[in-house]
Amino acid sequence: VLFSRDPASRDAYQALFRERRIRKRYEA
């Protein structure tokens, strides 16, 4: 799980998820 510690940069990292620019890989 990825957490933001800095409110000033938070939206830039949230945009990775909104814009599908982060690769998430799961195993099951």
mmCIF file of all heavy atoms, coordinates in Angstrom:
data_MODEL
# 
_entry.id   MODEL 
# 
loop_
_atom_site.group_PDB 
_atom_site.id 
_atom_site.type_symbol 
_atom_site.label_atom_id 
_atom_site.label_alt_id 
_atom_site.label_comp_id 
_atom_site.label_asym_id 
_atom_site.label_entity_id 
_atom_site.label_seq_id 
_atom_site.pdbx_PDB_ins_code 
_atom_site.Cartn_x 
_atom_site.Cartn_y 
_atom_site.Cartn_z 
_atom_site.occupancy 
_atom_site.B_iso_or_equiv 
_atom_site.pdbx_formal_charge 
_atom_site.auth_seq_id 
_atom_site.auth_comp_id 
_atom_site.auth_asym_id 
_atom_site.auth_atom_id 
_atom_site.pdbx_PDB_model_num 
ATOM 1   N N   . VAL A 1 1  ? 0.862   -1.174  0.000   1.00 0.00 ? 1  VAL A N   1 
ATOM 2   C CA  . VAL A 1 1  ? 0.000   0.000   0.000   1.00 0.00 ? 1  VAL A CA  1 
ATOM 3   C C   . VAL A 1 1  ? 0.904   1.230   0.000   1.00 0.00 ? 1  VAL A C   1 
ATOM 4   O O   . VAL A 1 1  ? 1.881   1.300   0.748   1.00 0.00 ? 1  VAL A O   1 
ATOM 5   C CB  . VAL A 1 1  ? -0.934  0.032   1.224   1.00 0.00 ? 1  VAL A CB  1 
ATOM 6   C CG1 . VAL A 1 1  ? -1.874  1.241   1.145   1.00 0.00 ? 1  VAL A CG1 1 
ATOM 7   C CG2 . VAL A 1 1  ? -1.736  -1.254  1.334   1.00 0.00 ? 1  VAL A CG2 1 
ATOM 8   N N   . LEU A 1 2  ? 0.565   2.198   -0.838  1.00 0.00 ? 2  LEU A N   1 
ATOM 9   C CA  . LEU A 1 2  ? 1.342   3.427   -0.981  1.00 0.00 ? 2  LEU A CA  1 
ATOM 10  C C   . LEU A 1 2  ? 0.652   4.552   -0.222  1.00 0.00 ? 2  LEU A C   1 
ATOM 11  O O   . LEU A 1 2  ? -0.541  4.800   -0.412  1.00 0.00 ? 2  LEU A O   1 
ATOM 12  C CB  . LEU A 1 2  ? 1.456   3.768   -2.476  1.00 0.00 ? 2  LEU A CB  1 
ATOM 13  C CG  . LEU A 1 2  ? 2.382   4.902   -2.907  1.00 0.00 ? 2  LEU A CG  1 
ATOM 14  C CD1 . LEU A 1 2  ? 3.818   4.598   -2.555  1.00 0.00 ? 2  LEU A CD1 1 
ATOM 15  C CD2 . LEU A 1 2  ? 2.244   5.121   -4.423  1.00 0.00 ? 2  LEU A CD2 1 
ATOM 16  N N   . PHE A 1 3  ? 1.410   5.239   0.650   1.00 0.00 ? 3  PHE A N   1 
ATOM 17  C CA  . PHE A 1 3  ? 0.887   6.344   1.444   1.00 0.00 ? 3  PHE A CA  1 
ATOM 18  C C   . PHE A 1 3  ? 1.610   7.635   1.094   1.00 0.00 ? 3  PHE A C   1 
ATOM 19  O O   . PHE A 1 3  ? 2.819   7.646   0.828   1.00 0.00 ? 3  PHE A O   1 
ATOM 20  C CB  . PHE A 1 3  ? 1.100   6.083   2.941   1.00 0.00 ? 3  PHE A CB  1 
ATOM 21  C CG  . PHE A 1 3  ? 0.172   5.061   3.535   1.00 0.00 ? 3  PHE A CG  1 
ATOM 22  C CD1 . PHE A 1 3  ? 0.452   3.710   3.415   1.00 0.00 ? 3  PHE A CD1 1 
ATOM 23  C CD2 . PHE A 1 3  ? -0.976  5.446   4.212   1.00 0.00 ? 3  PHE A CD2 1 
ATOM 24  C CE1 . PHE A 1 3  ? -0.393  2.764   3.960   1.00 0.00 ? 3  PHE A CE1 1 
ATOM 25  C CE2 . PHE A 1 3  ? -1.826  4.511   4.754   1.00 0.00 ? 3  PHE A CE2 1 
ATOM 26  C CZ  . PHE A 1 3  ? -1.537  3.161   4.630   1.00 0.00 ? 3  PHE A CZ  1 
ATOM 27  N N   . SER A 1 4  ? 0.852   8.728   1.129   1.00 0.00 ? 4  SER A N   1 
ATOM 28  C CA  . SER A 1 4  ? 1.416   10.062  0.946   1.00 0.00 ? 4  SER A CA  1 
ATOM 29  C C   . SER A 1 4  ? 1.673   10.694  2.309   1.00 0.00 ? 4  SER A C   1 
ATOM 30  O O   . SER A 1 4  ? 0.799   10.722  3.169   1.00 0.00 ? 4  SER A O   1 
ATOM 31  C CB  . SER A 1 4  ? 0.449   10.941  0.151   1.00 0.00 ? 4  SER A CB  1 
ATOM 32  O OG  . SER A 1 4  ? 0.821   12.307  0.241   1.00 0.00 ? 4  SER A OG  1 
ATOM 33  N N   . ARG A 1 5  ? 2.888   11.241  2.480   1.00 0.00 ? 5  ARG A N   1 
ATOM 34  C CA  . ARG A 1 5  ? 3.248   11.927  3.725   1.00 0.00 ? 5  ARG A CA  1 
ATOM 35  C C   . ARG A 1 5  ? 3.217   13.444  3.553   1.00 0.00 ? 5  ARG A C   1 
ATOM 36  O O   . ARG A 1 5  ? 3.253   14.173  4.547   1.00 0.00 ? 5  ARG A O   1 
ATOM 37  C CB  . ARG A 1 5  ? 4.653   11.520  4.166   1.00 0.00 ? 5  ARG A CB  1 
ATOM 38  C CG  . ARG A 1 5  ? 4.884   10.049  4.253   1.00 0.00 ? 5  ARG A CG  1 
ATOM 39  C CD  . ARG A 1 5  ? 6.307   9.714   4.691   1.00 0.00 ? 5  ARG A CD  1 
ATOM 40  N NE  . ARG A 1 5  ? 6.482   9.861   6.118   1.00 0.00 ? 5  ARG A NE  1 
ATOM 41  C CZ  . ARG A 1 5  ? 7.597   9.537   6.769   1.00 0.00 ? 5  ARG A CZ  1 
ATOM 42  N NH1 . ARG A 1 5  ? 8.641   9.072   6.090   1.00 0.00 ? 5  ARG A NH1 1 
ATOM 43  N NH2 . ARG A 1 5  ? 7.677   9.684   8.079   1.00 0.00 ? 5  ARG A NH2 1 
ATOM 44  N N   . ASP A 1 6  ? 3.182   13.914  2.307   1.00 0.00 ? 6  ASP A N   1 
ATOM 45  C CA  . ASP A 1 6  ? 3.347   15.338  2.003   1.00 0.00 ? 6  ASP A CA  1 
ATOM 46  C C   . ASP A 1 6  ? 2.127   15.860  1.246   1.00 0.00 ? 6  ASP A C   1 
ATOM 47  O O   . ASP A 1 6  ? 1.959   15.549  0.064   1.00 0.00 ? 6  ASP A O   1 
ATOM 48  C CB  . ASP A 1 6  ? 4.614   15.515  1.163   1.00 0.00 ? 6  ASP A CB  1 
ATOM 49  C CG  . ASP A 1 6  ? 4.767   16.928  0.633   1.00 0.00 ? 6  ASP A CG  1 
ATOM 50  O OD1 . ASP A 1 6  ? 4.306   17.867  1.314   1.00 0.00 ? 6  ASP A OD1 1 
ATOM 51  O OD2 . ASP A 1 6  ? 5.339   17.083  -0.467  1.00 0.00 ? 6  ASP A OD2 1 
ATOM 52  N N   . PRO A 1 7  ? 1.272   16.653  1.889   1.00 0.00 ? 7  PRO A N   1 
ATOM 53  C CA  . PRO A 1 7  ? 0.077   17.160  1.198   1.00 0.00 ? 7  PRO A CA  1 
ATOM 54  C C   . PRO A 1 7  ? 0.388   17.927  -0.075  1.00 0.00 ? 7  PRO A C   1 
ATOM 55  O O   . PRO A 1 7  ? -0.387  17.897  -1.033  1.00 0.00 ? 7  PRO A O   1 
ATOM 56  C CB  . PRO A 1 7  ? -0.575  18.067  2.246   1.00 0.00 ? 7  PRO A CB  1 
ATOM 57  C CG  . PRO A 1 7  ? -0.095  17.531  3.567   1.00 0.00 ? 7  PRO A CG  1 
ATOM 58  C CD  . PRO A 1 7  ? 1.306   17.052  3.308   1.00 0.00 ? 7  PRO A CD  1 
ATOM 59  N N   . ALA A 1 8  ? 1.532   18.584  -0.137  1.00 0.00 ? 8  ALA A N   1 
ATOM 60  C CA  . ALA A 1 8  ? 1.860   19.405  -1.304  1.00 0.00 ? 8  ALA A CA  1 
ATOM 61  C C   . ALA A 1 8  ? 2.082   18.558  -2.560  1.00 0.00 ? 8  ALA A C   1 
ATOM 62  O O   . ALA A 1 8  ? 1.817   19.018  -3.669  1.00 0.00 ? 8  ALA A O   1 
ATOM 63  C CB  . ALA A 1 8  ? 3.099   20.244  -1.014  1.00 0.00 ? 8  ALA A CB  1 
ATOM 64  N N   . SER A 1 9  ? 2.571   17.336  -2.388  1.00 0.00 ? 9  SER A N   1 
ATOM 65  C CA  . SER A 1 9  ? 2.835   16.483  -3.556  1.00 0.00 ? 9  SER A CA  1 
ATOM 66  C C   . SER A 1 9  ? 1.776   15.397  -3.735  1.00 0.00 ? 9  SER A C   1 
ATOM 67  O O   . SER A 1 9  ? 1.861   14.610  -4.674  1.00 0.00 ? 9  SER A O   1 
ATOM 68  C CB  . SER A 1 9  ? 4.210   15.817  -3.404  1.00 0.00 ? 9  SER A CB  1 
ATOM 69  O OG  . SER A 1 9  ? 4.246   14.972  -2.269  1.00 0.00 ? 9  SER A OG  1 
ATOM 70  N N   . ARG A 1 10 ? 0.775   15.372  -2.875  1.00 0.00 ? 10 ARG A N   1 
ATOM 71  C CA  . ARG A 1 10 ? -0.183  14.260  -2.850  1.00 0.00 ? 10 ARG A CA  1 
ATOM 72  C C   . ARG A 1 10 ? -0.938  14.107  -4.166  1.00 0.00 ? 10 ARG A C   1 
ATOM 73  O O   . ARG A 1 10 ? -1.092  13.002  -4.689  1.00 0.00 ? 10 ARG A O   1 
ATOM 74  C CB  . ARG A 1 10 ? -1.155  14.453  -1.689  1.00 0.00 ? 10 ARG A CB  1 
ATOM 75  C CG  . ARG A 1 10 ? -2.118  13.288  -1.463  1.00 0.00 ? 10 ARG A CG  1 
ATOM 76  C CD  . ARG A 1 10 ? -2.730  13.400  -0.079  1.00 0.00 ? 10 ARG A CD  1 
ATOM 77  N NE  . ARG A 1 10 ? -1.679  13.330  0.930   1.00 0.00 ? 10 ARG A NE  1 
ATOM 78  C CZ  . ARG A 1 10 ? -1.816  13.775  2.185   1.00 0.00 ? 10 ARG A CZ  1 
ATOM 79  N NH1 . ARG A 1 10 ? -2.948  14.355  2.560   1.00 0.00 ? 10 ARG A NH1 1 
ATOM 80  N NH2 . ARG A 1 10 ? -0.822  13.656  3.050   1.00 0.00 ? 10 ARG A NH2 1 
ATOM 81  N N   . ASP A 1 11 ? -1.400  15.205  -4.724  1.00 0.00 ? 11 ASP A N   1 
ATOM 82  C CA  . ASP A 1 11 ? -2.207  15.091  -5.946  1.00 0.00 ? 11 ASP A CA  1 
ATOM 83  C C   . ASP A 1 11 ? -1.390  14.531  -7.106  1.00 0.00 ? 11 ASP A C   1 
ATOM 84  O O   . ASP A 1 11 ? -1.930  13.811  -7.951  1.00 0.00 ? 11 ASP A O   1 
ATOM 85  C CB  . ASP A 1 11 ? -2.792  16.451  -6.328  1.00 0.00 ? 11 ASP A CB  1 
ATOM 86  C CG  . ASP A 1 11 ? -3.763  16.329  -7.499  1.00 0.00 ? 11 ASP A CG  1 
ATOM 87  O OD1 . ASP A 1 11 ? -4.815  15.684  -7.325  1.00 0.00 ? 11 ASP A OD1 1 
ATOM 88  O OD2 . ASP A 1 11 ? -3.450  16.839  -8.585  1.00 0.00 ? 11 ASP A OD2 1 
ATOM 89  N N   . ALA A 1 12 ? -0.111  14.839  -7.157  1.00 0.00 ? 12 ALA A N   1 
ATOM 90  C CA  . ALA A 1 12 ? 0.733   14.319  -8.235  1.00 0.00 ? 12 ALA A CA  1 
ATOM 91  C C   . ALA A 1 12 ? 0.794   12.798  -8.190  1.00 0.00 ? 12 ALA A C   1 
ATOM 92  O O   . ALA A 1 12 ? 0.776   12.129  -9.226  1.00 0.00 ? 12 ALA A O   1 
ATOM 93  C CB  . ALA A 1 12 ? 2.136   14.909  -8.131  1.00 0.00 ? 12 ALA A CB  1 
ATOM 94  N N   . TYR A 1 13 ? 0.836   12.226  -6.979  1.00 0.00 ? 13 TYR A N   1 
ATOM 95  C CA  . TYR A 1 13 ? 0.870   10.775  -6.855  1.00 0.00 ? 13 TYR A CA  1 
ATOM 96  C C   . TYR A 1 13 ? -0.519  10.161  -7.016  1.00 0.00 ? 13 TYR A C   1 
ATOM 97  O O   . TYR A 1 13 ? -0.666  9.068   -7.575  1.00 0.00 ? 13 TYR A O   1 
ATOM 98  C CB  . TYR A 1 13 ? 1.491   10.389  -5.513  1.00 0.00 ? 13 TYR A CB  1 
ATOM 99  C CG  . TYR A 1 13 ? 2.975   10.678  -5.456  1.00 0.00 ? 13 TYR A CG  1 
ATOM 100 C CD1 . TYR A 1 13 ? 3.464   11.769  -4.738  1.00 0.00 ? 13 TYR A CD1 1 
ATOM 101 C CD2 . TYR A 1 13 ? 3.881   9.896   -6.161  1.00 0.00 ? 13 TYR A CD2 1 
ATOM 102 C CE1 . TYR A 1 13 ? 4.822   12.054  -4.704  1.00 0.00 ? 13 TYR A CE1 1 
ATOM 103 C CE2 . TYR A 1 13 ? 5.235   10.169  -6.136  1.00 0.00 ? 13 TYR A CE2 1 
ATOM 104 C CZ  . TYR A 1 13 ? 5.708   11.250  -5.403  1.00 0.00 ? 13 TYR A CZ  1 
ATOM 105 O OH  . TYR A 1 13 ? 7.054   11.532  -5.393  1.00 0.00 ? 13 TYR A OH  1 
ATOM 106 N N   . GLN A 1 14 ? -1.544  10.863  -6.564  1.00 0.00 ? 14 GLN A N   1 
ATOM 107 C CA  . GLN A 1 14 ? -2.904  10.364  -6.779  1.00 0.00 ? 14 GLN A CA  1 
ATOM 108 C C   . GLN A 1 14 ? -3.226  10.282  -8.263  1.00 0.00 ? 14 GLN A C   1 
ATOM 109 O O   . GLN A 1 14 ? -3.955  9.385   -8.707  1.00 0.00 ? 14 GLN A O   1 
ATOM 110 C CB  . GLN A 1 14 ? -3.914  11.268  -6.067  1.00 0.00 ? 14 GLN A CB  1 
ATOM 111 C CG  . GLN A 1 14 ? -3.906  11.120  -4.557  1.00 0.00 ? 14 GLN A CG  1 
ATOM 112 C CD  . GLN A 1 14 ? -4.805  12.117  -3.860  1.00 0.00 ? 14 GLN A CD  1 
ATOM 113 O OE1 . GLN A 1 14 ? -5.018  13.220  -4.335  1.00 0.00 ? 14 GLN A OE1 1 
ATOM 114 N NE2 . GLN A 1 14 ? -5.355  11.713  -2.713  1.00 0.00 ? 14 GLN A NE2 1 
ATOM 115 N N   . ALA A 1 15 ? -2.652  11.199  -9.047  1.00 0.00 ? 15 ALA A N   1 
ATOM 116 C CA  . ALA A 1 15 ? -2.894  11.204  -10.493 1.00 0.00 ? 15 ALA A CA  1 
ATOM 117 C C   . ALA A 1 15 ? -2.371  9.929   -11.153 1.00 0.00 ? 15 ALA A C   1 
ATOM 118 O O   . ALA A 1 15 ? -2.896  9.508   -12.194 1.00 0.00 ? 15 ALA A O   1 
ATOM 119 C CB  . ALA A 1 15 ? -2.255  12.430  -11.129 1.00 0.00 ? 15 ALA A CB  1 
ATOM 120 N N   . LEU A 1 16 ? -1.359  9.305   -10.580 1.00 0.00 ? 16 LEU A N   1 
ATOM 121 C CA  . LEU A 1 16 ? -0.858  8.043   -11.128 1.00 0.00 ? 16 LEU A CA  1 
ATOM 122 C C   . LEU A 1 16 ? -1.959  6.998   -11.175 1.00 0.00 ? 16 LEU A C   1 
ATOM 123 O O   . LEU A 1 16 ? -2.051  6.218   -12.128 1.00 0.00 ? 16 LEU A O   1 
ATOM 124 C CB  . LEU A 1 16 ? 0.305   7.525   -10.278 1.00 0.00 ? 16 LEU A CB  1 
ATOM 125 C CG  . LEU A 1 16 ? 1.586   8.356   -10.252 1.00 0.00 ? 16 LEU A CG  1 
ATOM 126 C CD1 . LEU A 1 16 ? 2.542   7.777   -9.222  1.00 0.00 ? 16 LEU A CD1 1 
ATOM 127 C CD2 . LEU A 1 16 ? 2.233   8.399   -11.630 1.00 0.00 ? 16 LEU A CD2 1 
ATOM 128 N N   . PHE A 1 17 ? -2.799  6.979   -10.151 1.00 0.00 ? 17 PHE A N   1 
ATOM 129 C CA  . PHE A 1 17 ? -3.891  6.007   -10.084 1.00 0.00 ? 17 PHE A CA  1 
ATOM 130 C C   . PHE A 1 17 ? -5.054  6.453   -10.965 1.00 0.00 ? 17 PHE A C   1 
ATOM 131 O O   . PHE A 1 17 ? -5.634  5.640   -11.685 1.00 0.00 ? 17 PHE A O   1 
ATOM 132 C CB  . PHE A 1 17 ? -4.328  5.821   -8.628  1.00 0.00 ? 17 PHE A CB  1 
ATOM 133 C CG  . PHE A 1 17 ? -3.268  5.206   -7.765  1.00 0.00 ? 17 PHE A CG  1 
ATOM 134 C CD1 . PHE A 1 17 ? -2.335  5.988   -7.110  1.00 0.00 ? 17 PHE A CD1 1 
ATOM 135 C CD2 . PHE A 1 17 ? -3.196  3.827   -7.612  1.00 0.00 ? 17 PHE A CD2 1 
ATOM 136 C CE1 . PHE A 1 17 ? -1.346  5.417   -6.322  1.00 0.00 ? 17 PHE A CE1 1 
ATOM 137 C CE2 . PHE A 1 17 ? -2.218  3.248   -6.825  1.00 0.00 ? 17 PHE A CE2 1 
ATOM 138 C CZ  . PHE A 1 17 ? -1.294  4.045   -6.179  1.00 0.00 ? 17 PHE A CZ  1 
ATOM 139 N N   . ARG A 1 18 ? -5.387  7.736   -10.908 1.00 0.00 ? 18 ARG A N   1 
ATOM 140 C CA  . ARG A 1 18 ? -6.493  8.240   -11.723 1.00 0.00 ? 18 ARG A CA  1 
ATOM 141 C C   . ARG A 1 18 ? -6.230  8.016   -13.201 1.00 0.00 ? 18 ARG A C   1 
ATOM 142 O O   . ARG A 1 18 ? -7.141  7.683   -13.965 1.00 0.00 ? 18 ARG A O   1 
ATOM 143 C CB  . ARG A 1 18 ? -6.719  9.731   -11.466 1.00 0.00 ? 18 ARG A CB  1 
ATOM 144 C CG  . ARG A 1 18 ? -7.275  10.079  -10.117 1.00 0.00 ? 18 ARG A CG  1 
ATOM 145 C CD  . ARG A 1 18 ? -7.821  11.508  -10.118 1.00 0.00 ? 18 ARG A CD  1 
ATOM 146 N NE  . ARG A 1 18 ? -6.857  12.500  -10.571 1.00 0.00 ? 18 ARG A NE  1 
ATOM 147 C CZ  . ARG A 1 18 ? -6.053  13.183  -9.761  1.00 0.00 ? 18 ARG A CZ  1 
ATOM 148 N NH1 . ARG A 1 18 ? -6.087  12.959  -8.457  1.00 0.00 ? 18 ARG A NH1 1 
ATOM 149 N NH2 . ARG A 1 18 ? -5.214  14.091  -10.253 1.00 0.00 ? 18 ARG A NH2 1 
ATOM 150 N N   . GLU A 1 19 ? -4.990  8.235   -13.614 1.00 0.00 ? 19 GLU A N   1 
ATOM 151 C CA  . GLU A 1 19 ? -4.629  8.190   -15.028 1.00 0.00 ? 19 GLU A CA  1 
ATOM 152 C C   . GLU A 1 19 ? -4.028  6.853   -15.443 1.00 0.00 ? 19 GLU A C   1 
ATOM 153 O O   . GLU A 1 19 ? -3.512  6.713   -16.547 1.00 0.00 ? 19 GLU A O   1 
ATOM 154 C CB  . GLU A 1 19 ? -3.663  9.337   -15.334 1.00 0.00 ? 19 GLU A CB  1 
ATOM 155 C CG  . GLU A 1 19 ? -4.282  10.708  -15.065 1.00 0.00 ? 19 GLU A CG  1 
ATOM 156 C CD  . GLU A 1 19 ? -3.263  11.831  -15.085 1.00 0.00 ? 19 GLU A CD  1 
ATOM 157 O OE1 . GLU A 1 19 ? -2.090  11.580  -15.465 1.00 0.00 ? 19 GLU A OE1 1 
ATOM 158 O OE2 . GLU A 1 19 ? -3.622  12.974  -14.717 1.00 0.00 ? 19 GLU A OE2 1 
ATOM 159 N N   . ARG A 1 20 ? -4.073  5.877   -14.547 1.00 0.00 ? 20 ARG A N   1 
ATOM 160 C CA  . ARG A 1 20 ? -3.605  4.507   -14.829 1.00 0.00 ? 20 ARG A CA  1 
ATOM 161 C C   . ARG A 1 20 ? -2.148  4.497   -15.286 1.00 0.00 ? 20 ARG A C   1 
ATOM 162 O O   . ARG A 1 20 ? -1.774  3.802   -16.219 1.00 0.00 ? 20 ARG A O   1 
ATOM 163 C CB  . ARG A 1 20 ? -4.511  3.832   -15.873 1.00 0.00 ? 20 ARG A CB  1 
ATOM 164 C CG  . ARG A 1 20 ? -5.962  3.737   -15.419 1.00 0.00 ? 20 ARG A CG  1 
ATOM 165 C CD  . ARG A 1 20 ? -6.831  3.088   -16.479 1.00 0.00 ? 20 ARG A CD  1 
ATOM 166 N NE  . ARG A 1 20 ? -8.242  3.115   -16.066 1.00 0.00 ? 20 ARG A NE  1 
ATOM 167 C CZ  . ARG A 1 20 ? -9.241  2.707   -16.838 1.00 0.00 ? 20 ARG A CZ  1 
ATOM 168 N NH1 . ARG A 1 20 ? -8.987  2.216   -18.044 1.00 0.00 ? 20 ARG A NH1 1 
ATOM 169 N NH2 . ARG A 1 20 ? -10.491 2.785   -16.416 1.00 0.00 ? 20 ARG A NH2 1 
ATOM 170 N N   . ARG A 1 21 ? -1.322  5.260   -14.575 1.00 0.00 ? 21 ARG A N   1 
ATOM 171 C CA  . ARG A 1 21 ? 0.102   5.323   -14.887 1.00 0.00 ? 21 ARG A CA  1 
ATOM 172 C C   . ARG A 1 21 ? 0.933   4.579   -13.846 1.00 0.00 ? 21 ARG A C   1 
ATOM 173 O O   . ARG A 1 21 ? 2.132   4.815   -13.714 1.00 0.00 ? 21 ARG A O   1 
ATOM 174 C CB  . ARG A 1 21 ? 0.560   6.785   -14.999 1.00 0.00 ? 21 ARG A CB  1 
ATOM 175 C CG  . ARG A 1 21 ? -0.012  7.502   -16.202 1.00 0.00 ? 21 ARG A CG  1 
ATOM 176 C CD  . ARG A 1 21 ? 0.585   8.878   -16.394 1.00 0.00 ? 21 ARG A CD  1 
ATOM 177 N NE  . ARG A 1 21 ? 0.079   9.852   -15.423 1.00 0.00 ? 21 ARG A NE  1 
ATOM 178 C CZ  . ARG A 1 21 ? 0.821   10.484  -14.522 1.00 0.00 ? 21 ARG A CZ  1 
ATOM 179 N NH1 . ARG A 1 21 ? 2.127   10.232  -14.441 1.00 0.00 ? 21 ARG A NH1 1 
ATOM 180 N NH2 . ARG A 1 21 ? 0.284   11.367  -13.699 1.00 0.00 ? 21 ARG A NH2 1 
ATOM 181 N N   . ILE A 1 22 ? 0.298   3.689   -13.112 1.00 0.00 ? 22 ILE A N   1 
ATOM 182 C CA  . ILE A 1 22 ? 1.005   2.875   -12.133 1.00 0.00 ? 22 ILE A CA  1 
ATOM 183 C C   . ILE A 1 22 ? 0.692   1.408   -12.418 1.00 0.00 ? 22 ILE A C   1 
ATOM 184 O O   . ILE A 1 22 ? -0.458  1.050   -12.697 1.00 0.00 ? 22 ILE A O   1 
ATOM 185 C CB  . ILE A 1 22 ? 0.617   3.267   -10.689 1.00 0.00 ? 22 ILE A CB  1 
ATOM 186 C CG1 . ILE A 1 22 ? 1.491   2.532   -9.679  1.00 0.00 ? 22 ILE A CG1 1 
ATOM 187 C CG2 . ILE A 1 22 ? -0.857  3.045   -10.412 1.00 0.00 ? 22 ILE A CG2 1 
ATOM 188 C CD1 . ILE A 1 22 ? 1.441   3.145   -8.289  1.00 0.00 ? 22 ILE A CD1 1 
ATOM 189 N N   . ARG A 1 23 ? 1.706   0.582   -12.427 1.00 0.00 ? 23 ARG A N   1 
ATOM 190 C CA  . ARG A 1 23 ? 1.526   -0.834  -12.718 1.00 0.00 ? 23 ARG A CA  1 
ATOM 191 C C   . ARG A 1 23 ? 1.419   -1.600  -11.403 1.00 0.00 ? 23 ARG A C   1 
ATOM 192 O O   . ARG A 1 23 ? 2.345   -1.587  -10.584 1.00 0.00 ? 23 ARG A O   1 
ATOM 193 C CB  . ARG A 1 23 ? 2.697   -1.364  -13.545 1.00 0.00 ? 23 ARG A CB  1 
ATOM 194 C CG  . ARG A 1 23 ? 2.521   -2.820  -13.979 1.00 0.00 ? 23 ARG A CG  1 
ATOM 195 C CD  . ARG A 1 23 ? 3.689   -3.275  -14.841 1.00 0.00 ? 23 ARG A CD  1 
ATOM 196 N NE  . ARG A 1 23 ? 3.488   -4.640  -15.308 1.00 0.00 ? 23 ARG A NE  1 
ATOM 197 C CZ  . ARG A 1 23 ? 4.386   -5.321  -16.010 1.00 0.00 ? 23 ARG A CZ  1 
ATOM 198 N NH1 . ARG A 1 23 ? 5.559   -4.762  -16.322 1.00 0.00 ? 23 ARG A NH1 1 
ATOM 199 N NH2 . ARG A 1 23 ? 4.133   -6.558  -16.385 1.00 0.00 ? 23 ARG A NH2 1 
ATOM 200 N N   . LYS A 1 24 ? 0.292   -2.250  -11.193 1.00 0.00 ? 24 LYS A N   1 
ATOM 201 C CA  . LYS A 1 24 ? 0.042   -3.032  -9.983  1.00 0.00 ? 24 LYS A CA  1 
ATOM 202 C C   . LYS A 1 24 ? -0.028  -4.513  -10.367 1.00 0.00 ? 24 LYS A C   1 
ATOM 203 O O   . LYS A 1 24 ? -0.784  -4.887  -11.267 1.00 0.00 ? 24 LYS A O   1 
ATOM 204 C CB  . LYS A 1 24 ? -1.270  -2.597  -9.321  1.00 0.00 ? 24 LYS A CB  1 
ATOM 205 C CG  . LYS A 1 24 ? -1.275  -1.153  -8.856  1.00 0.00 ? 24 LYS A CG  1 
ATOM 206 C CD  . LYS A 1 24 ? -2.622  -0.739  -8.296  1.00 0.00 ? 24 LYS A CD  1 
ATOM 207 C CE  . LYS A 1 24 ? -3.637  -0.555  -9.409  1.00 0.00 ? 24 LYS A CE  1 
ATOM 208 N NZ  . LYS A 1 24 ? -4.953  -0.091  -8.908  1.00 0.00 ? 24 LYS A NZ  1 
ATOM 209 N N   . ARG A 1 25 ? 0.746   -5.327  -9.697  1.00 0.00 ? 25 ARG A N   1 
ATOM 210 C CA  . ARG A 1 25 ? 0.769   -6.754  -9.993  1.00 0.00 ? 25 ARG A CA  1 
ATOM 211 C C   . ARG A 1 25 ? 0.428   -7.536  -8.727  1.00 0.00 ? 25 ARG A C   1 
ATOM 212 O O   . ARG A 1 25 ? 1.004   -7.282  -7.660  1.00 0.00 ? 25 ARG A O   1 
ATOM 213 C CB  . ARG A 1 25 ? 2.143   -7.167  -10.520 1.00 0.00 ? 25 ARG A CB  1 
ATOM 214 C CG  . ARG A 1 25 ? 2.215   -8.603  -11.053 1.00 0.00 ? 25 ARG A CG  1 
ATOM 215 C CD  . ARG A 1 25 ? 3.577   -8.845  -11.690 1.00 0.00 ? 25 ARG A CD  1 
ATOM 216 N NE  . ARG A 1 25 ? 3.762   -10.214 -12.140 1.00 0.00 ? 25 ARG A NE  1 
ATOM 217 C CZ  . ARG A 1 25 ? 3.443   -10.655 -13.358 1.00 0.00 ? 25 ARG A CZ  1 
ATOM 218 N NH1 . ARG A 1 25 ? 2.918   -9.814  -14.242 1.00 0.00 ? 25 ARG A NH1 1 
ATOM 219 N NH2 . ARG A 1 25 ? 3.654   -11.907 -13.708 1.00 0.00 ? 25 ARG A NH2 1 
ATOM 220 N N   . TYR A 1 26 ? -0.515  -8.434  -8.855  1.00 0.00 ? 26 TYR A N   1 
ATOM 221 C CA  . TYR A 1 26 ? -0.973  -9.257  -7.737  1.00 0.00 ? 26 TYR A CA  1 
ATOM 222 C C   . TYR A 1 26 ? -0.656  -10.722 -8.026  1.00 0.00 ? 26 TYR A C   1 
ATOM 223 O O   . TYR A 1 26 ? -0.447  -11.126 -9.169  1.00 0.00 ? 26 TYR A O   1 
ATOM 224 C CB  . TYR A 1 26 ? -2.488  -9.130  -7.561  1.00 0.00 ? 26 TYR A CB  1 
ATOM 225 C CG  . TYR A 1 26 ? -2.977  -7.787  -7.081  1.00 0.00 ? 26 TYR A CG  1 
ATOM 226 C CD1 . TYR A 1 26 ? -2.950  -6.673  -7.921  1.00 0.00 ? 26 TYR A CD1 1 
ATOM 227 C CD2 . TYR A 1 26 ? -3.513  -7.625  -5.802  1.00 0.00 ? 26 TYR A CD2 1 
ATOM 228 C CE1 . TYR A 1 26 ? -3.416  -5.439  -7.493  1.00 0.00 ? 26 TYR A CE1 1 
ATOM 229 C CE2 . TYR A 1 26 ? -3.985  -6.399  -5.373  1.00 0.00 ? 26 TYR A CE2 1 
ATOM 230 C CZ  . TYR A 1 26 ? -3.935  -5.309  -6.221  1.00 0.00 ? 26 TYR A CZ  1 
ATOM 231 O OH  . TYR A 1 26 ? -4.398  -4.092  -5.799  1.00 0.00 ? 26 TYR A OH  1 
ATOM 232 N N   . GLU A 1 27 ? -0.663  -11.517 -6.956  1.00 0.00 ? 27 GLU A N   1 
ATOM 233 C CA  . GLU A 1 27 ? -0.594  -12.963 -7.091  1.00 0.00 ? 27 GLU A CA  1 
ATOM 234 C C   . GLU A 1 27 ? -1.758  -13.578 -6.333  1.00 0.00 ? 27 GLU A C   1 
ATOM 235 O O   . GLU A 1 27 ? -2.194  -13.054 -5.299  1.00 0.00 ? 27 GLU A O   1 
ATOM 236 C CB  . GLU A 1 27 ? 0.723   -13.507 -6.542  1.00 0.00 ? 27 GLU A CB  1 
ATOM 237 C CG  . GLU A 1 27 ? 1.934   -13.116 -7.362  1.00 0.00 ? 27 GLU A CG  1 
ATOM 238 C CD  . GLU A 1 27 ? 3.222   -13.669 -6.790  1.00 0.00 ? 27 GLU A CD  1 
ATOM 239 O OE1 . GLU A 1 27 ? 3.161   -14.573 -5.917  1.00 0.00 ? 27 GLU A OE1 1 
ATOM 240 O OE2 . GLU A 1 27 ? 4.297   -13.204 -7.205  1.00 0.00 ? 27 GLU A OE2 1 
ATOM 241 N N   . ALA A 1 28 ? -2.254  -14.682 -6.856  1.00 0.00 ? 28 ALA A N   1 
ATOM 242 C CA  . ALA A 1 28 ? -3.371  -15.382 -6.211  1.00 0.00 ? 28 ALA A CA  1 
ATOM 243 C C   . ALA A 1 28 ? -3.192  -16.876 -6.380  1.00 0.00 ? 28 ALA A C   1 
ATOM 244 O O   . ALA A 1 28 ? -2.649  -17.346 -7.390  1.00 0.00 ? 28 ALA A O   1 
ATOM 245 C CB  . ALA A 1 28 ? -4.704  -14.941 -6.817  1.00 0.00 ? 28 ALA A CB  1 
# 
